């Protein structure tokens, strides 16, 4: 199974629109169109899952394809590295004096 990144989607595009477009090039297993957490509005990109062979065909045929006047960016999705969200080594610094120094008195 291959995961395809689809960028520059029109904000009006629905999951069924994207599924129908990619289904012309093979069997679509899953479509995901992330929305903004705060507004609930589409973020303008999505992911499509297809078999490796179907994905390669869809990428070749749909990269640059104009959907509602917007040229799609279609390529194999790259796994985003997971980060802990904090400082390396974990946690906060201690003993600071507010200016990033660490020269406070104990």
PDB file of N, CA and C in Angstrom:
ATOM      1  N   UNK A   1       0.846  -1.178   0.000  1.00  0.00           N
ATOM      2  CA  UNK A   1       0.000   0.000   0.000  1.00  0.00           C
ATOM      3  C   UNK A   1       0.891   1.240   0.000  1.00  0.00           C
ATOM      4  N   UNK A   2       0.525   2.213  -0.809  1.00  0.00           N
ATOM      5  CA  UNK A   2       1.278   3.459  -0.902  1.00  0.00           C
ATOM      6  C   UNK A   2       0.382   4.615  -0.478  1.00  0.00           C
ATOM      7  N   UNK A   3       0.986   5.582   0.194  1.00  0.00           N
ATOM      8  CA  UNK A   3       0.264   6.778   0.613  1.00  0.00           C
ATOM      9  C   UNK A   3       0.724   7.928  -0.269  1.00  0.00           C
ATOM     10  N   UNK A   4      -0.238   8.611  -0.872  1.00  0.00           N
ATOM     11  CA  UNK A   4       0.028   9.691  -1.807  1.00  0.00           C
ATOM     12  C   UNK A   4      -0.353  11.017  -1.171  1.00  0.00           C
ATOM     13  N   UNK A   5       0.543  11.997  -1.279  1.00  0.00           N
ATOM     14  CA  UNK A   5       0.253  13.362  -0.838  1.00  0.00           C
ATOM     15  C   UNK A   5      -0.366  14.110  -2.010  1.00  0.00           C
ATOM     16  N   UNK A   6      -1.454  14.823  -1.756  1.00  0.00           N
ATOM     17  CA  UNK A   6      -2.116  15.628  -2.776  1.00  0.00           C
ATOM     18  C   UNK A   6      -2.181  17.057  -2.252  1.00  0.00           C
ATOM     19  N   UNK A   7      -1.386  17.942  -2.849  1.00  0.00           N
ATOM     20  CA  UNK A   7      -1.336  19.330  -2.403  1.00  0.00           C
ATOM     21  C   UNK A   7      -1.992  20.273  -3.382  1.00  0.00           C
ATOM     22  N   UNK A   8      -2.262  21.475  -2.902  1.00  0.00           N
ATOM     23  CA  UNK A   8      -2.883  22.540  -3.684  1.00  0.00           C
ATOM     24  C   UNK A   8      -4.313  22.188  -4.102  1.00  0.00           C
ATOM     25  N   UNK A   9      -4.986  21.427  -3.233  1.00  0.00           N
ATOM     26  CA  UNK A   9      -6.382  21.083  -3.515  1.00  0.00           C
ATOM     27  C   UNK A   9      -7.263  22.322  -3.380  1.00  0.00           C
ATOM     28  N   UNK A  10      -8.278  22.436  -4.232  1.00  0.00           N
ATOM     29  CA  UNK A  10      -9.247  23.516  -4.028  1.00  0.00           C
ATOM     30  C   UNK A  10      -9.942  23.296  -2.677  1.00  0.00           C
ATOM     31  N   UNK A  11     -10.232  24.368  -1.976  1.00  0.00           N
ATOM     32  CA  UNK A  11     -10.874  24.230  -0.671  1.00  0.00           C
ATOM     33  C   UNK A  11     -12.278  23.651  -0.790  1.00  0.00           C
ATOM     34  N   UNK A  12     -12.833  23.686  -1.984  1.00  0.00           N
ATOM     35  CA  UNK A  12     -14.176  23.141  -2.205  1.00  0.00           C
ATOM     36  C   UNK A  12     -14.157  21.631  -2.451  1.00  0.00           C
ATOM     37  N   UNK A  13     -12.976  21.036  -2.616  1.00  0.00           N
ATOM     38  CA  UNK A  13     -12.884  19.608  -2.928  1.00  0.00           C
ATOM     39  C   UNK A  13     -13.314  18.761  -1.732  1.00  0.00           C
ATOM     40  N   UNK A  14     -14.156  17.772  -1.999  1.00  0.00           N
ATOM     41  CA  UNK A  14     -14.607  16.848  -0.951  1.00  0.00           C
ATOM     42  C   UNK A  14     -13.855  15.532  -1.087  1.00  0.00           C
ATOM     43  N   UNK A  15     -13.983  14.685  -0.067  1.00  0.00           N
ATOM     44  CA  UNK A  15     -13.358  13.370  -0.135  1.00  0.00           C
ATOM     45  C   UNK A  15     -13.876  12.593  -1.337  1.00  0.00           C
ATOM     46  N   UNK A  16     -15.162  12.707  -1.628  1.00  0.00           N
ATOM     47  CA  UNK A  16     -15.718  11.966  -2.769  1.00  0.00           C
ATOM     48  C   UNK A  16     -15.169  12.505  -4.095  1.00  0.00           C
ATOM     49  N   UNK A  17     -14.923  13.816  -4.190  1.00  0.00           N
ATOM     50  CA  UNK A  17     -14.316  14.389  -5.404  1.00  0.00           C
ATOM     51  C   UNK A  17     -12.922  13.813  -5.632  1.00  0.00           C
ATOM     52  N   UNK A  18     -12.125  13.791  -4.560  1.00  0.00           N
ATOM     53  CA  UNK A  18     -10.753  13.287  -4.656  1.00  0.00           C
ATOM     54  C   UNK A  18     -10.760  11.794  -4.957  1.00  0.00           C
ATOM     55  N   UNK A  19     -11.649  11.057  -4.303  1.00  0.00           N
ATOM     56  CA  UNK A  19     -11.754   9.612  -4.548  1.00  0.00           C
ATOM     57  C   UNK A  19     -12.105   9.336  -6.007  1.00  0.00           C
ATOM     58  N   UNK A  20     -13.052  10.082  -6.549  1.00  0.00           N
ATOM     59  CA  UNK A  20     -13.476   9.874  -7.935  1.00  0.00           C
ATOM     60  C   UNK A  20     -12.341  10.167  -8.910  1.00  0.00           C
ATOM     61  N   UNK A  21     -11.570  11.223  -8.638  1.00  0.00           N
ATOM     62  CA  UNK A  21     -10.453  11.574  -9.506  1.00  0.00           C
ATOM     63  C   UNK A  21      -9.396  10.472  -9.509  1.00  0.00           C
ATOM     64  N   UNK A  22      -9.019  10.001  -8.324  1.00  0.00           N
ATOM     65  CA  UNK A  22      -7.970   8.987  -8.227  1.00  0.00           C
ATOM     66  C   UNK A  22      -8.463   7.605  -8.654  1.00  0.00           C
ATOM     67  N   UNK A  23      -9.747   7.338  -8.533  1.00  0.00           N
ATOM     68  CA  UNK A  23     -10.304   6.043  -8.930  1.00  0.00           C
ATOM     69  C   UNK A  23     -10.173   5.806 -10.432  1.00  0.00           C
ATOM     70  N   UNK A  24      -9.966   6.857 -11.204  1.00  0.00           N
ATOM     71  CA  UNK A  24      -9.751   6.711 -12.643  1.00  0.00           C
ATOM     72  C   UNK A  24      -8.417   6.020 -12.931  1.00  0.00           C
ATOM     73  N   UNK A  25      -7.561   5.925 -11.915  1.00  0.00           N
ATOM     74  CA  UNK A  25      -6.222   5.361 -12.103  1.00  0.00           C
ATOM     75  C   UNK A  25      -5.978   4.106 -11.267  1.00  0.00           C
ATOM     76  N   UNK A  26      -7.010   3.610 -10.600  1.00  0.00           N
ATOM     77  CA  UNK A  26      -6.881   2.387  -9.812  1.00  0.00           C
ATOM     78  C   UNK A  26      -7.830   2.385  -8.621  1.00  0.00           C
ATOM     79  N   UNK A  27      -7.661   1.388  -7.780  1.00  0.00           N
ATOM     80  CA  UNK A  27      -8.522   1.222  -6.616  1.00  0.00           C
ATOM     81  C   UNK A  27      -8.045   2.108  -5.468  1.00  0.00           C
ATOM     82  N   UNK A  28      -8.940   2.946  -4.981  1.00  0.00           N
ATOM     83  CA  UNK A  28      -8.637   3.841  -3.868  1.00  0.00           C
ATOM     84  C   UNK A  28      -9.055   3.148  -2.571  1.00  0.00           C
ATOM     85  N   UNK A  29      -8.107   2.965  -1.671  1.00  0.00           N
ATOM     86  CA  UNK A  29      -8.391   2.324  -0.387  1.00  0.00           C
ATOM     87  C   UNK A  29      -8.889   3.324   0.650  1.00  0.00           C
ATOM     88  N   UNK A  30      -8.314   4.529   0.636  1.00  0.00           N
ATOM     89  CA  UNK A  30      -8.677   5.509   1.665  1.00  0.00           C
ATOM     90  C   UNK A  30      -8.357   6.916   1.167  1.00  0.00           C
ATOM     91  N   UNK A  31      -9.171   7.884   1.597  1.00  0.00           N
ATOM     92  CA  UNK A  31      -8.927   9.305   1.316  1.00  0.00           C
ATOM     93  C   UNK A  31      -9.051  10.056   2.635  1.00  0.00           C
ATOM     94  N   UNK A  32      -8.098  10.943   2.891  1.00  0.00           N
ATOM     95  CA  UNK A  32      -8.126  11.744   4.108  1.00  0.00           C
ATOM     96  C   UNK A  32      -7.823  13.196   3.750  1.00  0.00           C
ATOM     97  N   UNK A  33      -8.742  14.098   4.114  1.00  0.00           N
ATOM     98  CA  UNK A  33      -8.552  15.528   3.874  1.00  0.00           C
ATOM     99  C   UNK A  33      -8.562  16.236   5.233  1.00  0.00           C
ATOM    100  N   UNK A  34      -7.384  16.533   5.777  1.00  0.00           N
ATOM    101  CA  UNK A  34      -7.327  17.175   7.093  1.00  0.00           C
ATOM    102  C   UNK A  34      -7.985  18.551   7.100  1.00  0.00           C
ATOM    103  N   UNK A  35      -8.573  18.892   8.245  1.00  0.00           N
ATOM    104  CA  UNK A  35      -9.178  20.200   8.419  1.00  0.00           C
ATOM    105  C   UNK A  35      -8.464  20.944   9.543  1.00  0.00           C
ATOM    106  N   UNK A  36      -8.582  22.237   9.532  1.00  0.00           N
ATOM    107  CA  UNK A  36      -7.993  23.073  10.572  1.00  0.00           C
ATOM    108  C   UNK A  36      -8.717  22.810  11.893  1.00  0.00           C
ATOM    109  N   UNK A  37      -7.960  22.603  12.963  1.00  0.00           N
ATOM    110  CA  UNK A  37      -8.572  22.298  14.261  1.00  0.00           C
ATOM    111  C   UNK A  37      -9.444  23.436  14.774  1.00  0.00           C
ATOM    112  N   UNK A  38      -9.014  24.658  14.535  1.00  0.00           N
ATOM    113  CA  UNK A  38      -9.721  25.813  15.085  1.00  0.00           C
ATOM    114  C   UNK A  38     -10.984  26.159  14.290  1.00  0.00           C
ATOM    115  N   UNK A  39     -10.866  26.155  12.960  1.00  0.00           N
ATOM    116  CA  UNK A  39     -11.984  26.615  12.131  1.00  0.00           C
ATOM    117  C   UNK A  39     -12.800  25.488  11.510  1.00  0.00           C
ATOM    118  N   UNK A  40     -12.214  24.287  11.428  1.00  0.00           N
ATOM    119  CA  UNK A  40     -12.905  23.181  10.784  1.00  0.00           C
ATOM    120  C   UNK A  40     -12.873  23.253   9.263  1.00  0.00           C
ATOM    121  N   UNK A  41     -12.166  24.243   8.727  1.00  0.00           N
ATOM    122  CA  UNK A  41     -12.098  24.413   7.272  1.00  0.00           C
ATOM    123  C   UNK A  41     -10.996  23.529   6.691  1.00  0.00           C
ATOM    124  N   UNK A  42     -11.151  23.143   5.416  1.00  0.00           N
ATOM    125  CA  UNK A  42     -10.117  22.321   4.768  1.00  0.00           C
ATOM    126  C   UNK A  42      -8.773  23.042   4.748  1.00  0.00           C
ATOM    127  N   UNK A  43      -7.697  22.256   4.777  1.00  0.00           N
ATOM    128  CA  UNK A  43      -6.354  22.835   4.792  1.00  0.00           C
ATOM    129  C   UNK A  43      -5.710  22.878   3.406  1.00  0.00           C
ATOM    130  N   UNK A  44      -6.391  22.348   2.386  1.00  0.00           N
ATOM    131  CA  UNK A  44      -5.887  22.457   1.021  1.00  0.00           C
ATOM    132  C   UNK A  44      -4.961  21.337   0.595  1.00  0.00           C
ATOM    133  N   UNK A  45      -4.905  20.274   1.383  1.00  0.00           N
ATOM    134  CA  UNK A  45      -4.123  19.110   0.989  1.00  0.00           C
ATOM    135  C   UNK A  45      -4.797  17.867   1.545  1.00  0.00           C
ATOM    136  N   UNK A  46      -4.324  16.714   1.087  1.00  0.00           N
ATOM    137  CA  UNK A  46      -4.902  15.468   1.560  1.00  0.00           C
ATOM    138  C   UNK A  46      -4.005  14.298   1.245  1.00  0.00           C
ATOM    139  N   UNK A  47      -4.491  13.112   1.596  1.00  0.00           N
ATOM    140  CA  UNK A  47      -3.758  11.876   1.375  1.00  0.00           C
ATOM    141  C   UNK A  47      -4.689  10.842   0.770  1.00  0.00           C
ATOM    142  N   UNK A  48      -4.145  10.068  -0.155  1.00  0.00           N
ATOM    143  CA  UNK A  48      -4.883   8.989  -0.806  1.00  0.00           C
ATOM    144  C   UNK A  48      -4.044   7.730  -0.670  1.00  0.00           C
ATOM    145  N   UNK A  49      -4.692   6.617  -0.312  1.00  0.00           N
ATOM    146  CA  UNK A  49      -3.989   5.339  -0.228  1.00  0.00           C
ATOM    147  C   UNK A  49      -4.456   4.424  -1.353  1.00  0.00           C
ATOM    148  N   UNK A  50      -3.464   3.881  -2.074  1.00  0.00           N
ATOM    149  CA  UNK A  50      -3.713   2.976  -3.198  1.00  0.00           C
ATOM    150  C   UNK A  50      -2.610   1.918  -3.205  1.00  0.00           C
ATOM    151  N   UNK A  51      -2.786   0.878  -4.021  1.00  0.00           N
ATOM    152  CA  UNK A  51      -1.709  -0.094  -4.184  1.00  0.00           C
ATOM    153  C   UNK A  51      -0.511   0.614  -4.801  1.00  0.00           C
ATOM    154  N   UNK A  52       0.667   0.025  -4.660  1.00  0.00           N
ATOM    155  CA  UNK A  52       1.896   0.646  -5.164  1.00  0.00           C
ATOM    156  C   UNK A  52       1.800   0.939  -6.664  1.00  0.00           C
ATOM    157  N   UNK A  53       1.317  -0.032  -7.450  1.00  0.00           N
ATOM    158  CA  UNK A  53       1.236   0.141  -8.908  1.00  0.00           C
ATOM    159  C   UNK A  53       0.218   1.217  -9.279  1.00  0.00           C
ATOM    160  N   UNK A  54      -0.956   1.202  -8.620  1.00  0.00           N
ATOM    161  CA  UNK A  54      -1.982   2.209  -8.905  1.00  0.00           C
ATOM    162  C   UNK A  54      -1.498   3.595  -8.493  1.00  0.00           C
ATOM    163  N   UNK A  55      -0.791   3.671  -7.370  1.00  0.00           N
ATOM    164  CA  UNK A  55      -0.280   4.952  -6.879  1.00  0.00           C
ATOM    165  C   UNK A  55       0.718   5.545  -7.866  1.00  0.00           C
ATOM    166  N   UNK A  56       1.611   4.719  -8.377  1.00  0.00           N
ATOM    167  CA  UNK A  56       2.608   5.202  -9.340  1.00  0.00           C
ATOM    168  C   UNK A  56       1.915   5.759 -10.586  1.00  0.00           C
ATOM    169  N   UNK A  57       0.881   5.073 -11.049  1.00  0.00           N
ATOM    170  CA  UNK A  57       0.135   5.522 -12.231  1.00  0.00           C
ATOM    171  C   UNK A  57      -0.599   6.835 -11.919  1.00  0.00           C
ATOM    172  N   UNK A  58      -1.222   6.930 -10.752  1.00  0.00           N
ATOM    173  CA  UNK A  58      -1.958   8.143 -10.382  1.00  0.00           C
ATOM    174  C   UNK A  58      -1.012   9.338 -10.241  1.00  0.00           C
ATOM    175  N   UNK A  59       0.144   9.120  -9.618  1.00  0.00           N
ATOM    176  CA  UNK A  59       1.115  10.204  -9.455  1.00  0.00           C
ATOM    177  C   UNK A  59       1.566  10.721 -10.816  1.00  0.00           C
ATOM    178  N   UNK A  60       1.880   9.798 -11.702  1.00  0.00           N
ATOM    179  CA  UNK A  60       2.358  10.183 -13.031  1.00  0.00           C
ATOM    180  C   UNK A  60       1.295  10.968 -13.801  1.00  0.00           C
ATOM    181  N   UNK A  61       0.041  10.542 -13.690  1.00  0.00           N
ATOM    182  CA  UNK A  61      -1.023  11.164 -14.474  1.00  0.00           C
ATOM    183  C   UNK A  61      -1.646  12.411 -13.836  1.00  0.00           C
ATOM    184  N   UNK A  62      -1.580  12.531 -12.510  1.00  0.00           N
ATOM    185  CA  UNK A  62      -2.306  13.617 -11.857  1.00  0.00           C
ATOM    186  C   UNK A  62      -1.430  14.754 -11.328  1.00  0.00           C
ATOM    187  N   UNK A  63      -0.117  14.555 -11.269  1.00  0.00           N
ATOM    188  CA  UNK A  63       0.730  15.656 -10.824  1.00  0.00           C
ATOM    189  C   UNK A  63       0.647  16.780 -11.857  1.00  0.00           C
ATOM    190  N   UNK A  64       0.216  17.971 -11.427  1.00  0.00           N
ATOM    191  CA  UNK A  64       0.031  19.096 -12.339  1.00  0.00           C
ATOM    192  C   UNK A  64      -1.374  19.186 -12.914  1.00  0.00           C
ATOM    193  N   UNK A  65      -2.203  18.171 -12.680  1.00  0.00           N
ATOM    194  CA  UNK A  65      -3.578  18.169 -13.175  1.00  0.00           C
ATOM    195  C   UNK A  65      -4.340  19.355 -12.577  1.00  0.00           C
ATOM    196  N   UNK A  66      -5.096  20.053 -13.401  1.00  0.00           N
ATOM    197  CA  UNK A  66      -5.843  21.218 -12.943  1.00  0.00           C
ATOM    198  C   UNK A  66      -7.205  20.793 -12.399  1.00  0.00           C
ATOM    199  N   UNK A  67      -7.405  21.001 -11.101  1.00  0.00           N
ATOM    200  CA  UNK A  67      -8.685  20.697 -10.465  1.00  0.00           C
ATOM    201  C   UNK A  67      -9.305  22.025 -10.039  1.00  0.00           C
ATOM    202  N   UNK A  68     -10.387  22.400 -10.685  1.00  0.00           N
ATOM    203  CA  UNK A  68     -11.040  23.692 -10.436  1.00  0.00           C
ATOM    204  C   UNK A  68     -10.050  24.843 -10.559  1.00  0.00           C
ATOM    205  N   UNK A  69      -9.177  24.765 -11.561  1.00  0.00           N
ATOM    206  CA  UNK A  69      -8.232  25.837 -11.833  1.00  0.00           C
ATOM    207  C   UNK A  69      -6.963  25.819 -10.985  1.00  0.00           C
ATOM    208  N   UNK A  70      -6.799  24.801 -10.144  1.00  0.00           N
ATOM    209  CA  UNK A  70      -5.605  24.715  -9.302  1.00  0.00           C
ATOM    210  C   UNK A  70      -4.770  23.507  -9.708  1.00  0.00           C
ATOM    211  N   UNK A  71      -3.493  23.708 -10.063  1.00  0.00           N
ATOM    212  CA  UNK A  71      -2.644  22.572 -10.445  1.00  0.00           C
ATOM    213  C   UNK A  71      -2.271  21.749  -9.207  1.00  0.00           C
ATOM    214  N   UNK A  72      -2.661  20.489  -9.214  1.00  0.00           N
ATOM    215  CA  UNK A  72      -2.393  19.629  -8.065  1.00  0.00           C
ATOM    216  C   UNK A  72      -0.914  19.258  -7.981  1.00  0.00           C
ATOM    217  N   UNK A  73      -0.416  19.147  -6.765  1.00  0.00           N
ATOM    218  CA  UNK A  73       0.916  18.588  -6.510  1.00  0.00           C
ATOM    219  C   UNK A  73       0.685  17.195  -5.956  1.00  0.00           C
ATOM    220  N   UNK A  74       1.083  16.193  -6.712  1.00  0.00           N
ATOM    221  CA  UNK A  74       0.821  14.808  -6.341  1.00  0.00           C
ATOM    222  C   UNK A  74       2.139  14.059  -6.302  1.00  0.00           C
ATOM    223  N   UNK A  75       2.465  13.501  -5.141  1.00  0.00           N
ATOM    224  CA  UNK A  75       3.677  12.693  -5.013  1.00  0.00           C
ATOM    225  C   UNK A  75       3.527  11.715  -3.861  1.00  0.00           C
ATOM    226  N   UNK A  76       4.479  10.809  -3.743  1.00  0.00           N
ATOM    227  CA  UNK A  76       4.412   9.843  -2.658  1.00  0.00           C
ATOM    228  C   UNK A  76       4.620  10.573  -1.339  1.00  0.00           C
ATOM    229  N   UNK A  77       3.760  10.285  -0.381  1.00  0.00           N
ATOM    230  CA  UNK A  77       3.845  10.950   0.922  1.00  0.00           C
ATOM    231  C   UNK A  77       5.099  10.509   1.646  1.00  0.00           C
ATOM    232  N   UNK A  78       5.742  11.458   2.319  1.00  0.00           N
ATOM    233  CA  UNK A  78       6.917  11.166   3.131  1.00  0.00           C
ATOM    234  C   UNK A  78       6.476  11.114   4.586  1.00  0.00           C
ATOM    235  N   UNK A  79       6.915  10.091   5.306  1.00  0.00           N
ATOM    236  CA  UNK A  79       6.579  10.017   6.718  1.00  0.00           C
ATOM    237  C   UNK A  79       7.196  11.183   7.455  1.00  0.00           C
ATOM    238  N   UNK A  80       6.371  11.861   8.225  1.00  0.00           N
ATOM    239  CA  UNK A  80       6.833  13.002   9.007  1.00  0.00           C
ATOM    240  C   UNK A  80       7.469  12.463  10.287  1.00  0.00           C
ATOM    241  N   UNK A  81       8.707  12.866  10.568  1.00  0.00           N
ATOM    242  CA  UNK A  81       9.329  12.365  11.793  1.00  0.00           C
ATOM    243  C   UNK A  81       8.582  12.858  13.024  1.00  0.00           C
ATOM    244  N   UNK A  82       8.388  11.964  13.962  1.00  0.00           N
ATOM    245  CA  UNK A  82       7.709  12.317  15.205  1.00  0.00           C
ATOM    246  C   UNK A  82       8.680  13.047  16.118  1.00  0.00           C
ATOM    247  N   UNK A  83       8.209  14.133  16.705  1.00  0.00           N
ATOM    248  CA  UNK A  83       9.042  14.852  17.657  1.00  0.00           C
ATOM    249  C   UNK A  83       8.328  14.866  18.998  1.00  0.00           C
ATOM    250  N   UNK A  84       9.107  14.990  20.050  1.00  0.00           N
ATOM    251  CA  UNK A  84       8.535  15.012  21.391  1.00  0.00           C
ATOM    252  C   UNK A  84       7.858  16.329  21.716  1.00  0.00           C
ATOM    253  N   UNK A  85       8.139  17.356  20.931  1.00  0.00           N
ATOM    254  CA  UNK A  85       7.507  18.629  21.151  1.00  0.00           C
ATOM    255  C   UNK A  85       8.214  19.494  22.183  1.00  0.00           C
ATOM    256  N   UNK A  86       9.147  18.926  22.908  1.00  0.00           N
ATOM    257  CA  UNK A  86       9.853  19.702  23.918  1.00  0.00           C
ATOM    258  C   UNK A  86      11.322  19.808  23.579  1.00  0.00           C
ATOM    259  N   UNK A  87      12.094  20.137  24.565  1.00  0.00           N
ATOM    260  CA  UNK A  87      13.533  20.252  24.374  1.00  0.00           C
ATOM    261  C   UNK A  87      14.155  18.867  24.347  1.00  0.00           C
ATOM    262  N   UNK A  88      15.216  18.683  23.574  1.00  0.00           N
ATOM    263  CA  UNK A  88      15.920  17.405  23.631  1.00  0.00           C
ATOM    264  C   UNK A  88      16.403  17.160  25.052  1.00  0.00           C
ATOM    265  N   UNK A  89      16.276  15.955  25.502  1.00  0.00           N
ATOM    266  CA  UNK A  89      16.664  15.662  26.874  1.00  0.00           C
ATOM    267  C   UNK A  89      15.486  15.805  27.816  1.00  0.00           C
ATOM    268  N   UNK A  90      14.401  16.352  27.333  1.00  0.00           N
ATOM    269  CA  UNK A  90      13.171  16.406  28.096  1.00  0.00           C
ATOM    270  C   UNK A  90      13.089  17.542  29.092  1.00  0.00           C
ATOM    271  N   UNK A  91      11.926  18.086  29.200  1.00  0.00           N
ATOM    272  CA  UNK A  91      11.628  19.036  30.252  1.00  0.00           C
ATOM    273  C   UNK A  91      12.174  20.435  30.040  1.00  0.00           C
ATOM    274  N   UNK A  92      12.066  21.197  31.102  1.00  0.00           N
ATOM    275  CA  UNK A  92      12.487  22.594  31.079  1.00  0.00           C
ATOM    276  C   UNK A  92      13.864  22.738  31.693  1.00  0.00           C
ATOM    277  N   UNK A  93      14.488  23.851  31.388  1.00  0.00           N
ATOM    278  CA  UNK A  93      15.748  24.171  32.044  1.00  0.00           C
ATOM    279  C   UNK A  93      15.439  24.630  33.455  1.00  0.00           C
ATOM    280  N   UNK A  94      16.369  24.401  34.329  1.00  0.00           N
ATOM    281  CA  UNK A  94      16.161  24.889  35.688  1.00  0.00           C
ATOM    282  C   UNK A  94      17.301  25.831  36.053  1.00  0.00           C
ATOM    283  N   UNK A  95      17.058  26.678  37.031  1.00  0.00           N
ATOM    284  CA  UNK A  95      18.094  27.554  37.552  1.00  0.00           C
ATOM    285  C   UNK A  95      18.356  28.775  36.722  1.00  0.00           C
ATOM    286  N   UNK A  96      17.528  29.079  35.747  1.00  0.00           N
ATOM    287  CA  UNK A  96      17.770  30.232  34.891  1.00  0.00           C
ATOM    288  C   UNK A  96      17.465  31.536  35.581  1.00  0.00           C
ATOM    289  N   UNK A  97      18.020  32.618  35.050  1.00  0.00           N
ATOM    290  CA  UNK A  97      17.736  33.938  35.601  1.00  0.00           C
ATOM    291  C   UNK A  97      16.844  34.760  34.677  1.00  0.00           C
ATOM    292  N   UNK A  98      16.195  34.093  33.747  1.00  0.00           N
ATOM    293  CA  UNK A  98      15.252  34.782  32.878  1.00  0.00           C
ATOM    294  C   UNK A  98      15.835  35.273  31.567  1.00  0.00           C
ATOM    295  N   UNK A  99      17.164  35.294  31.458  1.00  0.00           N
ATOM    296  CA  UNK A  99      17.744  35.775  30.201  1.00  0.00           C
ATOM    297  C   UNK A  99      18.434  34.643  29.438  1.00  0.00           C
ATOM    298  N   UNK A 100      18.121  33.414  29.782  1.00  0.00           N
ATOM    299  CA  UNK A 100      18.692  32.259  29.087  1.00  0.00           C
ATOM    300  C   UNK A 100      20.048  31.900  29.642  1.00  0.00           C
ATOM    301  N   UNK A 101      20.503  32.635  30.611  1.00  0.00           N
ATOM    302  CA  UNK A 101      21.824  32.399  31.195  1.00  0.00           C
ATOM    303  C   UNK A 101      21.848  31.228  32.145  1.00  0.00           C
ATOM    304  N   UNK A 102      21.335  31.227  33.212  1.00  0.00           N
ATOM    305  CA  UNK A 102      21.471  30.134  34.155  1.00  0.00           C
ATOM    306  C   UNK A 102      22.376  30.546  35.306  1.00  0.00           C
ATOM    307  N   UNK A 103      22.613  31.846  35.392  1.00  0.00           N
ATOM    308  CA  UNK A 103      23.519  32.325  36.419  1.00  0.00           C
ATOM    309  C   UNK A 103      22.802  32.833  37.654  1.00  0.00           C
ATOM    310  N   UNK A 104      21.614  32.332  37.911  1.00  0.00           N
ATOM    311  CA  UNK A 104      20.898  32.798  39.100  1.00  0.00           C
ATOM    312  C   UNK A 104      21.542  32.293  40.392  1.00  0.00           C
ATOM    313  N   UNK A 105      21.284  32.983  41.487  1.00  0.00           N
ATOM    314  CA  UNK A 105      21.835  32.568  42.792  1.00  0.00           C
ATOM    315  C   UNK A 105      20.913  31.546  43.418  1.00  0.00           C
ATOM    316  N   UNK A 106      21.528  30.635  44.150  1.00  0.00           N
ATOM    317  CA  UNK A 106      20.763  29.589  44.836  1.00  0.00           C
ATOM    318  C   UNK A 106      20.601  29.983  46.231  1.00  0.00           C
TER     319      UNK A 106
END
